[in-house]
C-alpha atoms as a PDB file:
ATOM      1  CA  UNK A   1       6.701 113.598  42.457  1.00  0.00           C
ATOM      2  CA  UNK A   2       4.162 114.580  39.845  1.00  0.00           C
ATOM      3  CA  UNK A   3       0.370 114.467  40.046  1.00  0.00           C
ATOM      4  CA  UNK A   4       0.263 111.085  38.273  1.00  0.00           C
ATOM      5  CA  UNK A   5       2.405 109.361  40.911  1.00  0.00           C
ATOM      6  CA  UNK A   6       0.291 108.235  43.859  1.00  0.00           C
ATOM      7  CA  UNK A   7       1.439 108.391  47.465  1.00  0.00           C
ATOM      8  CA  UNK A   8       0.720 105.198  49.353  1.00  0.00           C
ATOM      9  CA  UNK A   9       0.915 104.898  53.130  1.00  0.00           C
ATOM     10  CA  UNK A  10      -0.226 102.643  55.935  1.00  0.00           C
ATOM     11  CA  UNK A  11      -3.640 104.337  55.870  1.00  0.00           C
ATOM     12  CA  UNK A  12      -4.477 103.877  52.180  1.00  0.00           C
ATOM     13  CA  UNK A  13      -2.343 100.952  51.001  1.00  0.00           C
ATOM     14  CA  UNK A  14      -5.089  98.363  51.424  1.00  0.00           C
ATOM     15  CA  UNK A  15      -7.698 100.304  49.447  1.00  0.00           C
ATOM     16  CA  UNK A  16      -5.318 101.746  46.844  1.00  0.00           C
ATOM     17  CA  UNK A  17      -3.195  98.651  46.155  1.00  0.00           C
ATOM     18  CA  UNK A  18      -4.383  95.434  47.803  1.00  0.00           C
ATOM     19  CA  UNK A  19      -8.066  95.846  46.941  1.00  0.00           C
ATOM     20  CA  UNK A  20      -7.441  97.296  43.479  1.00  0.00           C
ATOM     21  CA  UNK A  21      -8.039  95.356  40.284  1.00  0.00           C
ATOM     22  CA  UNK A  22      -5.405  95.617  37.592  1.00  0.00           C
ATOM     23  CA  UNK A  23      -1.669  96.228  37.655  1.00  0.00           C
ATOM     24  CA  UNK A  24      -0.041  98.468  40.261  1.00  0.00           C
ATOM     25  CA  UNK A  25       3.618  99.418  40.663  1.00  0.00           C
ATOM     26  CA  UNK A  26       4.812 100.451  44.124  1.00  0.00           C
ATOM     27  CA  UNK A  27       8.203 102.096  44.633  1.00  0.00           C
ATOM     28  CA  UNK A  28       9.483 101.687  48.207  1.00  0.00           C
ATOM     29  CA  UNK A  29      11.950 104.547  48.707  1.00  0.00           C
ATOM     30  CA  UNK A  30      13.469 106.965  51.259  1.00  0.00           C
ATOM     31  CA  UNK A  31      14.515 110.586  51.044  1.00  0.00           C
ATOM     32  CA  UNK A  32      18.062 109.784  52.204  1.00  0.00           C
ATOM     33  CA  UNK A  33      18.602 107.204  49.414  1.00  0.00           C
ATOM     34  CA  UNK A  34      20.584 108.512  46.383  1.00  0.00           C
ATOM     35  CA  UNK A  35      19.534 105.622  44.067  1.00  0.00           C
ATOM     36  CA  UNK A  36      15.907 106.359  45.024  1.00  0.00           C
ATOM     37  CA  UNK A  37      16.344 109.986  43.953  1.00  0.00           C
ATOM     38  CA  UNK A  38      17.955 108.857  40.706  1.00  0.00           C
ATOM     39  CA  UNK A  39      14.989 106.563  40.006  1.00  0.00           C
ATOM     40  CA  UNK A  40      12.307 109.141  40.917  1.00  0.00           C
ATOM     41  CA  UNK A  41      12.097 110.876  37.493  1.00  0.00           C
ATOM     42  CA  UNK A  42      11.733 107.462  35.829  1.00  0.00           C
ATOM     43  CA  UNK A  43       8.887 106.476  38.155  1.00  0.00           C
ATOM     44  CA  UNK A  44       7.165 109.819  37.530  1.00  0.00           C
ATOM     45  CA  UNK A  45       7.520 109.440  33.749  1.00  0.00           C
ATOM     46  CA  UNK A  46       6.115 105.912  33.868  1.00  0.00           C
ATOM     47  CA  UNK A  47       3.207 107.106  36.028  1.00  0.00           C
ATOM     48  CA  UNK A  48       2.345 109.790  33.470  1.00  0.00           C
ATOM     49  CA  UNK A  49       2.687 107.465  30.481  1.00  0.00           C
ATOM     50  CA  UNK A  50       0.724 104.683  32.222  1.00  0.00           C
ATOM     51  CA  UNK A  51      -2.177 106.897  33.333  1.00  0.00           C
ATOM     52  CA  UNK A  52      -5.400 104.970  32.856  1.00  0.00           C
ATOM     53  CA  UNK A  53      -3.634 101.638  32.298  1.00  0.00           C
ATOM     54  CA  UNK A  54      -1.601 101.053  35.465  1.00  0.00           C
ATOM     55  CA  UNK A  55      -1.459 102.662  38.882  1.00  0.00           C
ATOM     56  CA  UNK A  56       2.000 103.843  39.924  1.00  0.00           C
ATOM     57  CA  UNK A  57       2.906 105.125  43.363  1.00  0.00           C
ATOM     58  CA  UNK A  58       5.459 105.381  46.126  1.00  0.00           C
ATOM     59  CA  UNK A  59       5.813 104.367  49.762  1.00  0.00           C
ATOM     60  CA  UNK A  60       8.233 106.339  51.945  1.00  0.00           C
ATOM     61  CA  UNK A  61       9.812 103.603  54.078  1.00  0.00           C
ATOM     62  CA  UNK A  62      10.813 106.043  56.816  1.00  0.00           C
ATOM     63  CA  UNK A  63       7.237 107.205  57.353  1.00  0.00           C
ATOM     64  CA  UNK A  64       5.746 103.739  56.767  1.00  0.00           C
ATOM     65  CA  UNK A  65       8.230 101.352  58.336  1.00  0.00           C
ATOM     66  CA  UNK A  66       5.580  98.771  59.295  1.00  0.00           C
ATOM     67  CA  UNK A  67       4.304  98.636  55.726  1.00  0.00           C
ATOM     68  CA  UNK A  68       7.812  98.174  54.331  1.00  0.00           C
ATOM     69  CA  UNK A  69       8.511  95.494  56.928  1.00  0.00           C
ATOM     70  CA  UNK A  70       5.284  93.653  56.131  1.00  0.00           C
ATOM     71  CA  UNK A  71       6.488  93.283  52.521  1.00  0.00           C
ATOM     72  CA  UNK A  72      10.007  92.294  53.538  1.00  0.00           C
ATOM     73  CA  UNK A  73      11.612  95.380  52.005  1.00  0.00           C
ATOM     74  CA  UNK A  74      15.240  95.258  53.114  1.00  0.00           C
ATOM     75  CA  UNK A  75      16.948  97.314  50.403  1.00  0.00           C
ATOM     76  CA  UNK A  76      15.743 100.381  48.580  1.00  0.00           C
ATOM     77  CA  UNK A  77      14.686 101.217  46.047  1.00  0.00           C
ATOM     78  CA  UNK A  78      12.449  98.163  45.839  1.00  0.00           C
ATOM     79  CA  UNK A  79       9.804  98.052  43.138  1.00  0.00           C
ATOM     80  CA  UNK A  80       6.914  95.674  43.802  1.00  0.00           C
ATOM     81  CA  UNK A  81       4.462  94.846  41.033  1.00  0.00           C
ATOM     82  CA  UNK A  82       0.929  93.855  42.035  1.00  0.00           C
ATOM     83  CA  UNK A  83      -1.811  92.323  39.917  1.00  0.00           C
ATOM     84  CA  UNK A  84      -5.298  92.409  41.413  1.00  0.00           C
ATOM     85  CA  UNK A  85      -3.798  93.179  44.827  1.00  0.00           C
ATOM     86  CA  UNK A  86      -1.310  90.298  44.859  1.00  0.00           C
ATOM     87  CA  UNK A  87       2.457  90.713  44.587  1.00  0.00           C
ATOM     88  CA  UNK A  88       3.637  89.070  41.365  1.00  0.00           C
ATOM     89  CA  UNK A  89       7.126  90.467  40.815  1.00  0.00           C
ATOM     90  CA  UNK A  90       9.834  92.487  42.545  1.00  0.00           C
ATOM     91  CA  UNK A  91      12.881  94.436  41.377  1.00  0.00           C
ATOM     92  CA  UNK A  92      15.475  95.553  43.923  1.00  0.00           C
ATOM     93  CA  UNK A  93      17.807  98.436  43.110  1.00  0.00           C
ATOM     94  CA  UNK A  94      17.707 101.008  40.371  1.00  0.00           C
ATOM     95  CA  UNK A  95      16.169  99.653  37.178  1.00  0.00           C
ATOM     96  CA  UNK A  96      15.940 101.157  33.712  1.00  0.00           C
ATOM     97  CA  UNK A  97      12.746 102.711  32.423  1.00  0.00           C
ATOM     98  CA  UNK A  98      12.588 100.083  29.694  1.00  0.00           C
ATOM     99  CA  UNK A  99      12.939  97.194  32.146  1.00  0.00           C
ATOM    100  CA  UNK A 100      10.185  98.579  34.390  1.00  0.00           C
ATOM    101  CA  UNK A 101       7.842  99.223  31.464  1.00  0.00           C
ATOM    102  CA  UNK A 102       8.509  95.777  30.043  1.00  0.00           C
ATOM    103  CA  UNK A 103       7.674  94.182  33.394  1.00  0.00           C
ATOM    104  CA  UNK A 104       4.421  96.212  33.656  1.00  0.00           C
ATOM    105  CA  UNK A 105       3.372  95.093  30.184  1.00  0.00           C
ATOM    106  CA  UNK A 106       4.282  91.468  30.895  1.00  0.00           C
ATOM    107  CA  UNK A 107       2.257  91.451  34.130  1.00  0.00           C
ATOM    108  CA  UNK A 108      -0.763  93.093  32.536  1.00  0.00           C
ATOM    109  CA  UNK A 109      -0.746  90.584  29.658  1.00  0.00           C
ATOM    110  CA  UNK A 110      -0.686  87.675  32.116  1.00  0.00           C
ATOM    111  CA  UNK A 111      -3.894  88.882  33.763  1.00  0.00           C
END
């Protein structure tokens, strides 16, 4: 993870995601998940490119099982897009950088 990719957990998720205005992308992942590792550089690149426009971060489902369960995350990676603290879209499985960026732009325009 790079310095532009936030780390969300059960302690900060409310303040960093649910109470935040604007568009936020949350990657639910686990260290043992090969597709999650394959997606990680894409998430980091998007976080760097989106700095100042969108917030991008990750939730480790092993360390934050209750948080993952509360959002119904059953498969990983799961990308959940929030606008003003409300879930508006979800992608399950590895997605392309272009598809993720397109979804971020679409959500931000709808605000």
